[in-house]
């Protein structure tokens, strides 16, 4: 009888702890939109997100801690075509920028009207 009582207390404590943990965990950022502008790419999020940039064999990869949908497109910069693609990854989203030549990208963060913007300005080597 004691084991059942203590077992039920442990189970209730575990469930209450999980509920509290769920309530205190912040909601991850959400990618709202990706827009190709004349001199780069603008990513719009509902809140600030953490990101990490990587250069892989001349291509540019941006690892985002955010949720969102897949997308792909193309932009033109200095007569060069640059293709971009957003894909889900293990811990969020990945944005790839690929051109025929090696890319350098400058990322700028802005907050506009409650949304968080990440502007990517490419430079082709």
N, C-alpha and C. Protein backbone atom coordinates (compact mmCIF):
# COMPACT_ATOMS: atom_id res chain seq x y z
N UNK A 1 0.82 -1.19 0.00
CA UNK A 1 0.00 0.00 0.00
C UNK A 1 0.87 1.26 0.00
N UNK A 2 1.97 1.26 0.78
CA UNK A 2 2.86 2.41 0.83
C UNK A 2 3.49 2.70 -0.53
N UNK A 3 3.90 1.64 -1.22
CA UNK A 3 4.57 1.82 -2.50
C UNK A 3 3.64 2.48 -3.51
N UNK A 4 2.38 2.11 -3.50
CA UNK A 4 1.42 2.74 -4.40
C UNK A 4 1.27 4.22 -4.08
N UNK A 5 1.18 4.54 -2.80
CA UNK A 5 1.03 5.93 -2.38
C UNK A 5 2.24 6.76 -2.82
N UNK A 6 3.45 6.27 -2.52
CA UNK A 6 4.65 7.01 -2.91
C UNK A 6 4.82 7.04 -4.42
N UNK A 7 4.46 5.99 -5.09
CA UNK A 7 4.51 5.97 -6.56
C UNK A 7 3.58 7.00 -7.17
N UNK A 8 2.38 7.13 -6.61
CA UNK A 8 1.45 8.13 -7.14
C UNK A 8 1.94 9.54 -6.84
N UNK A 9 2.57 9.76 -5.67
CA UNK A 9 3.14 11.08 -5.37
C UNK A 9 4.26 11.44 -6.35
N UNK A 10 5.10 10.47 -6.65
CA UNK A 10 6.19 10.70 -7.60
C UNK A 10 5.62 11.02 -8.98
N UNK A 11 4.62 10.29 -9.41
CA UNK A 11 4.00 10.52 -10.71
C UNK A 11 3.35 11.91 -10.78
N UNK A 12 2.64 12.30 -9.74
CA UNK A 12 2.01 13.63 -9.71
C UNK A 12 3.08 14.72 -9.72
N UNK A 13 4.15 14.54 -8.96
CA UNK A 13 5.25 15.51 -8.95
C UNK A 13 5.90 15.65 -10.31
N UNK A 14 6.08 14.53 -10.99
CA UNK A 14 6.67 14.55 -12.33
C UNK A 14 5.77 15.30 -13.31
N UNK A 15 4.48 15.02 -13.28
CA UNK A 15 3.55 15.69 -14.19
C UNK A 15 3.46 17.19 -13.92
N UNK A 16 3.41 17.58 -12.65
CA UNK A 16 3.37 19.01 -12.31
C UNK A 16 4.66 19.70 -12.76
N UNK A 17 5.79 19.06 -12.55
CA UNK A 17 7.07 19.61 -13.00
C UNK A 17 7.14 19.79 -14.50
N UNK A 18 6.60 18.83 -15.24
CA UNK A 18 6.58 18.95 -16.70
C UNK A 18 5.68 20.10 -17.14
N UNK A 19 4.54 20.28 -16.48
CA UNK A 19 3.64 21.39 -16.83
C UNK A 19 4.30 22.73 -16.55
N UNK A 20 4.98 22.86 -15.42
CA UNK A 20 5.66 24.12 -15.09
C UNK A 20 6.78 24.38 -16.11
N UNK A 21 7.53 23.37 -16.46
CA UNK A 21 8.59 23.52 -17.46
C UNK A 21 8.05 23.94 -18.81
N UNK A 22 6.92 23.41 -19.18
CA UNK A 22 6.30 23.76 -20.46
C UNK A 22 5.84 25.22 -20.47
N UNK A 23 5.34 25.70 -19.33
CA UNK A 23 4.86 27.08 -19.25
C UNK A 23 5.99 28.10 -19.23
N UNK A 24 7.14 27.73 -18.67
CA UNK A 24 8.24 28.68 -18.54
C UNK A 24 9.20 28.66 -19.73
N UNK A 25 9.08 27.71 -20.64
CA UNK A 25 9.94 27.66 -21.81
C UNK A 25 9.47 28.69 -22.83
N UNK A 26 10.36 29.58 -23.29
CA UNK A 26 9.93 30.60 -24.24
C UNK A 26 9.59 29.99 -25.61
N UNK A 27 8.67 30.63 -26.29
CA UNK A 27 8.26 30.22 -27.64
C UNK A 27 9.40 30.56 -28.60
N UNK A 28 9.81 29.64 -29.47
CA UNK A 28 10.88 29.96 -30.42
C UNK A 28 10.40 30.99 -31.44
N UNK A 29 11.35 31.71 -32.00
CA UNK A 29 11.03 32.70 -33.03
C UNK A 29 10.43 32.01 -34.25
N UNK A 30 9.64 32.76 -35.01
CA UNK A 30 8.98 32.21 -36.20
C UNK A 30 9.36 33.07 -37.40
N UNK A 31 9.81 32.42 -38.46
CA UNK A 31 10.12 33.10 -39.72
C UNK A 31 8.81 33.42 -40.41
N UNK A 32 8.52 34.71 -40.57
CA UNK A 32 7.27 35.14 -41.17
C UNK A 32 7.38 35.22 -42.69
N UNK A 33 8.49 35.80 -43.18
CA UNK A 33 8.59 36.07 -44.61
C UNK A 33 10.05 36.18 -45.02
N UNK A 34 10.33 35.82 -46.28
CA UNK A 34 11.63 36.04 -46.89
C UNK A 34 11.38 36.83 -48.16
N UNK A 35 12.03 38.00 -48.28
CA UNK A 35 11.84 38.85 -49.45
C UNK A 35 13.17 39.10 -50.13
N UNK A 36 13.17 38.96 -51.45
CA UNK A 36 14.34 39.33 -52.24
C UNK A 36 14.19 40.80 -52.60
N UNK A 37 15.13 41.62 -52.16
CA UNK A 37 15.14 43.04 -52.51
C UNK A 37 16.28 43.26 -53.49
N UNK A 38 16.40 44.48 -54.03
CA UNK A 38 17.35 44.70 -55.11
C UNK A 38 18.81 44.48 -54.71
N UNK A 39 19.15 44.66 -53.45
CA UNK A 39 20.54 44.48 -53.05
C UNK A 39 20.73 43.41 -51.99
N UNK A 40 19.82 42.45 -51.90
CA UNK A 40 19.99 41.38 -50.94
C UNK A 40 18.71 40.65 -50.61
N UNK A 41 18.67 40.12 -49.41
CA UNK A 41 17.55 39.30 -48.94
C UNK A 41 17.16 39.79 -47.55
N UNK A 42 15.85 39.88 -47.29
CA UNK A 42 15.36 40.33 -45.99
C UNK A 42 14.52 39.22 -45.38
N UNK A 43 14.90 38.78 -44.18
CA UNK A 43 14.15 37.76 -43.45
C UNK A 43 13.39 38.46 -42.32
N UNK A 44 12.10 38.20 -42.20
CA UNK A 44 11.25 38.84 -41.18
C UNK A 44 10.83 37.78 -40.17
N UNK A 45 11.09 38.08 -38.88
CA UNK A 45 10.75 37.19 -37.77
C UNK A 45 9.79 37.90 -36.83
N UNK A 46 9.05 37.12 -36.05
CA UNK A 46 8.14 37.72 -35.07
C UNK A 46 8.87 38.22 -33.82
N UNK A 47 10.08 37.72 -33.58
CA UNK A 47 10.91 38.16 -32.45
C UNK A 47 12.36 37.89 -32.78
N UNK A 48 13.26 38.42 -31.97
CA UNK A 48 14.68 38.24 -32.23
C UNK A 48 15.04 36.76 -32.12
N UNK A 49 15.93 36.34 -33.00
CA UNK A 49 16.36 34.94 -33.00
C UNK A 49 17.88 34.85 -33.03
N UNK A 50 18.39 33.76 -32.53
CA UNK A 50 19.83 33.51 -32.59
C UNK A 50 20.15 32.87 -33.94
N UNK A 51 21.30 33.22 -34.48
CA UNK A 51 21.71 32.64 -35.76
C UNK A 51 23.22 32.48 -35.79
N UNK A 52 23.67 31.61 -36.68
CA UNK A 52 25.10 31.37 -36.86
C UNK A 52 25.38 31.31 -38.36
N UNK A 53 26.42 32.00 -38.78
CA UNK A 53 26.79 32.04 -40.19
C UNK A 53 27.93 31.06 -40.46
N UNK A 54 27.87 30.43 -41.64
CA UNK A 54 28.94 29.53 -42.06
C UNK A 54 29.21 29.71 -43.54
N UNK A 55 30.48 29.61 -43.92
CA UNK A 55 30.87 29.59 -45.32
C UNK A 55 31.34 28.19 -45.65
N UNK A 56 30.70 27.58 -46.63
CA UNK A 56 31.01 26.20 -47.00
C UNK A 56 31.34 26.17 -48.48
N UNK A 57 32.63 26.04 -48.82
CA UNK A 57 33.08 25.98 -50.21
C UNK A 57 32.52 27.13 -51.05
N UNK A 58 32.55 28.34 -50.53
CA UNK A 58 32.08 29.50 -51.27
C UNK A 58 30.60 29.78 -51.15
N UNK A 59 29.83 28.82 -50.66
CA UNK A 59 28.40 29.03 -50.43
C UNK A 59 28.21 29.56 -49.01
N UNK A 60 27.09 30.21 -48.78
CA UNK A 60 26.81 30.82 -47.49
C UNK A 60 25.65 30.07 -46.85
N UNK A 61 25.81 29.70 -45.59
CA UNK A 61 24.75 29.02 -44.84
C UNK A 61 24.47 29.81 -43.58
N UNK A 62 23.19 29.97 -43.27
CA UNK A 62 22.76 30.68 -42.08
C UNK A 62 21.90 29.72 -41.28
N UNK A 63 22.35 29.37 -40.07
CA UNK A 63 21.62 28.45 -39.21
C UNK A 63 20.79 29.27 -38.23
N UNK A 64 19.48 29.14 -38.29
CA UNK A 64 18.55 29.96 -37.52
C UNK A 64 17.86 29.13 -36.45
N UNK A 65 17.75 29.66 -35.25
CA UNK A 65 16.97 29.01 -34.20
C UNK A 65 15.56 29.57 -34.27
N UNK A 66 14.82 29.09 -35.25
CA UNK A 66 13.46 29.58 -35.49
C UNK A 66 12.66 28.49 -36.18
N UNK A 67 11.35 28.67 -36.16
CA UNK A 67 10.46 27.78 -36.90
C UNK A 67 9.94 28.53 -38.11
N UNK A 68 9.50 27.79 -39.11
CA UNK A 68 8.95 28.42 -40.30
C UNK A 68 8.79 27.40 -41.40
N UNK A 69 8.35 27.89 -42.54
CA UNK A 69 8.11 27.00 -43.66
C UNK A 69 9.27 27.06 -44.65
N UNK A 70 9.32 26.05 -45.50
CA UNK A 70 10.36 25.99 -46.53
C UNK A 70 10.08 27.03 -47.60
N UNK A 71 11.12 27.40 -48.30
CA UNK A 71 10.97 28.34 -49.40
C UNK A 71 12.24 28.37 -50.23
N UNK A 72 12.12 28.85 -51.44
CA UNK A 72 13.27 28.95 -52.32
C UNK A 72 13.03 30.08 -53.30
N UNK A 73 14.10 30.60 -53.85
CA UNK A 73 13.96 31.67 -54.82
C UNK A 73 15.30 32.05 -55.40
N UNK A 74 15.28 33.17 -56.09
CA UNK A 74 16.47 33.64 -56.77
C UNK A 74 16.50 35.16 -56.69
N UNK A 75 17.69 35.71 -56.55
CA UNK A 75 17.83 37.16 -56.60
C UNK A 75 19.00 37.49 -57.51
N UNK A 76 18.98 38.70 -58.02
CA UNK A 76 20.02 39.14 -58.94
C UNK A 76 20.82 40.23 -58.24
N UNK A 77 22.15 40.06 -58.25
CA UNK A 77 23.03 41.03 -57.60
C UNK A 77 24.24 41.26 -58.49
N UNK A 78 24.44 42.49 -58.93
CA UNK A 78 25.55 42.85 -59.83
C UNK A 78 25.64 41.94 -61.05
N UNK A 79 24.51 41.62 -61.63
CA UNK A 79 24.48 40.77 -62.81
C UNK A 79 24.65 39.29 -62.53
N UNK A 80 24.81 38.93 -61.28
CA UNK A 80 24.98 37.52 -60.89
C UNK A 80 23.67 36.98 -60.33
N UNK A 81 23.33 35.76 -60.69
CA UNK A 81 22.17 35.10 -60.09
C UNK A 81 22.61 34.41 -58.80
N UNK A 82 21.85 34.66 -57.75
CA UNK A 82 22.11 34.02 -56.46
C UNK A 82 20.84 33.28 -56.06
N UNK A 83 20.96 32.00 -55.85
CA UNK A 83 19.81 31.19 -55.44
C UNK A 83 19.81 31.06 -53.92
N UNK A 84 18.61 31.10 -53.35
CA UNK A 84 18.47 30.92 -51.91
C UNK A 84 17.43 29.85 -51.63
N UNK A 85 17.60 29.21 -50.49
CA UNK A 85 16.67 28.15 -50.09
C UNK A 85 16.61 28.06 -48.57
N UNK A 86 15.39 28.01 -48.03
CA UNK A 86 15.17 27.82 -46.59
C UNK A 86 14.67 26.40 -46.38
N UNK A 87 15.32 25.67 -45.49
CA UNK A 87 14.95 24.29 -45.21
C UNK A 87 14.90 24.07 -43.70
N UNK A 88 14.02 23.17 -43.25
CA UNK A 88 14.04 22.81 -41.83
C UNK A 88 15.32 22.02 -41.53
N UNK A 89 15.86 22.27 -40.35
CA UNK A 89 17.06 21.57 -39.90
C UNK A 89 16.78 20.95 -38.54
N UNK A 90 17.80 20.33 -37.98
CA UNK A 90 17.63 19.62 -36.71
C UNK A 90 17.20 20.56 -35.57
N UNK A 91 17.79 21.74 -35.52
CA UNK A 91 17.49 22.67 -34.42
C UNK A 91 16.89 23.97 -34.91
N UNK A 92 16.15 23.97 -35.99
CA UNK A 92 15.54 25.19 -36.50
C UNK A 92 15.47 25.18 -38.01
N UNK A 93 15.98 26.26 -38.62
CA UNK A 93 15.95 26.42 -40.07
C UNK A 93 17.36 26.68 -40.58
N UNK A 94 17.58 26.34 -41.85
CA UNK A 94 18.84 26.63 -42.51
C UNK A 94 18.54 27.40 -43.79
N UNK A 95 19.24 28.51 -44.00
CA UNK A 95 19.15 29.28 -45.23
C UNK A 95 20.46 29.11 -45.97
N UNK A 96 20.38 28.72 -47.25
CA UNK A 96 21.56 28.57 -48.09
C UNK A 96 21.51 29.61 -49.19
N UNK A 97 22.63 30.27 -49.44
CA UNK A 97 22.80 31.17 -50.58
C UNK A 97 23.91 30.60 -51.44
N UNK A 98 23.64 30.41 -52.73
CA UNK A 98 24.61 29.81 -53.63
C UNK A 98 24.70 30.65 -54.90
N UNK A 99 25.93 30.94 -55.33
CA UNK A 99 26.18 31.66 -56.58
C UNK A 99 27.28 30.92 -57.33
N UNK A 100 27.54 31.37 -58.56
CA UNK A 100 28.60 30.74 -59.34
C UNK A 100 29.98 31.06 -58.78
N UNK A 101 30.10 32.19 -58.12
CA UNK A 101 31.36 32.57 -57.48
C UNK A 101 31.20 32.54 -55.97
N UNK A 102 32.31 32.63 -55.27
CA UNK A 102 32.27 32.62 -53.80
C UNK A 102 31.52 33.85 -53.29
N UNK A 103 30.76 33.68 -52.22
CA UNK A 103 29.95 34.75 -51.65
C UNK A 103 30.53 35.24 -50.33
N UNK A 104 30.42 36.54 -50.13
CA UNK A 104 30.60 37.15 -48.82
C UNK A 104 29.28 37.82 -48.51
N UNK A 105 28.79 37.66 -47.30
CA UNK A 105 27.48 38.21 -46.93
C UNK A 105 27.62 39.01 -45.65
N UNK A 106 27.02 40.20 -45.65
CA UNK A 106 26.98 41.04 -44.45
C UNK A 106 25.56 40.98 -43.90
N UNK A 107 25.43 40.58 -42.64
CA UNK A 107 24.12 40.47 -41.99
C UNK A 107 23.91 41.67 -41.08
N UNK A 108 22.72 42.28 -41.18
CA UNK A 108 22.36 43.44 -40.36
C UNK A 108 21.02 43.17 -39.69
N UNK A 109 20.94 43.44 -38.39
CA UNK A 109 19.70 43.21 -37.64
C UNK A 109 18.98 44.54 -37.42
N UNK A 110 17.65 44.53 -37.60
CA UNK A 110 16.81 45.71 -37.38
C UNK A 110 15.53 45.29 -36.69
N UNK A 111 14.93 46.22 -35.94
CA UNK A 111 13.60 45.97 -35.39
C UNK A 111 12.67 47.02 -35.97
N UNK A 112 11.62 46.56 -36.66
CA UNK A 112 10.68 47.47 -37.34
C UNK A 112 9.26 47.06 -36.98
N UNK A 113 8.54 47.94 -36.32
CA UNK A 113 7.12 47.70 -36.02
C UNK A 113 6.84 46.43 -35.25
N UNK A 114 7.69 46.07 -34.32
CA UNK A 114 7.47 44.86 -33.53
C UNK A 114 8.02 43.60 -34.17
N UNK A 115 8.39 43.66 -35.45
CA UNK A 115 9.01 42.52 -36.13
C UNK A 115 10.53 42.70 -36.12
N UNK A 116 11.23 41.60 -36.23
CA UNK A 116 12.68 41.61 -36.25
C UNK A 116 13.14 41.25 -37.65
N UNK A 117 13.95 42.12 -38.27
CA UNK A 117 14.43 41.90 -39.63
C UNK A 117 15.90 41.54 -39.62
N UNK A 118 16.26 40.62 -40.48
CA UNK A 118 17.65 40.27 -40.70
C UNK A 118 17.92 40.51 -42.18
N UNK A 119 18.73 41.53 -42.47
CA UNK A 119 19.05 41.88 -43.86
C UNK A 119 20.37 41.24 -44.23
N UNK A 120 20.38 40.55 -45.35
CA UNK A 120 21.58 39.90 -45.85
C UNK A 120 21.99 40.59 -47.14
N UNK A 121 23.19 41.18 -47.16
CA UNK A 121 23.71 41.90 -48.32
C UNK A 121 24.89 41.11 -48.88
N UNK A 122 24.72 40.47 -50.04
CA UNK A 122 25.82 39.67 -50.60
C UNK A 122 26.85 40.52 -51.34
N UNK A 123 28.05 39.99 -51.43
CA UNK A 123 29.11 40.55 -52.25
C UNK A 123 29.77 39.36 -52.93
N UNK A 124 29.82 39.37 -54.24
CA UNK A 124 30.39 38.25 -55.00
C UNK A 124 31.86 38.52 -55.22
N UNK A 125 32.72 37.54 -54.90
CA UNK A 125 34.17 37.68 -55.12
C UNK A 125 34.52 37.51 -56.58
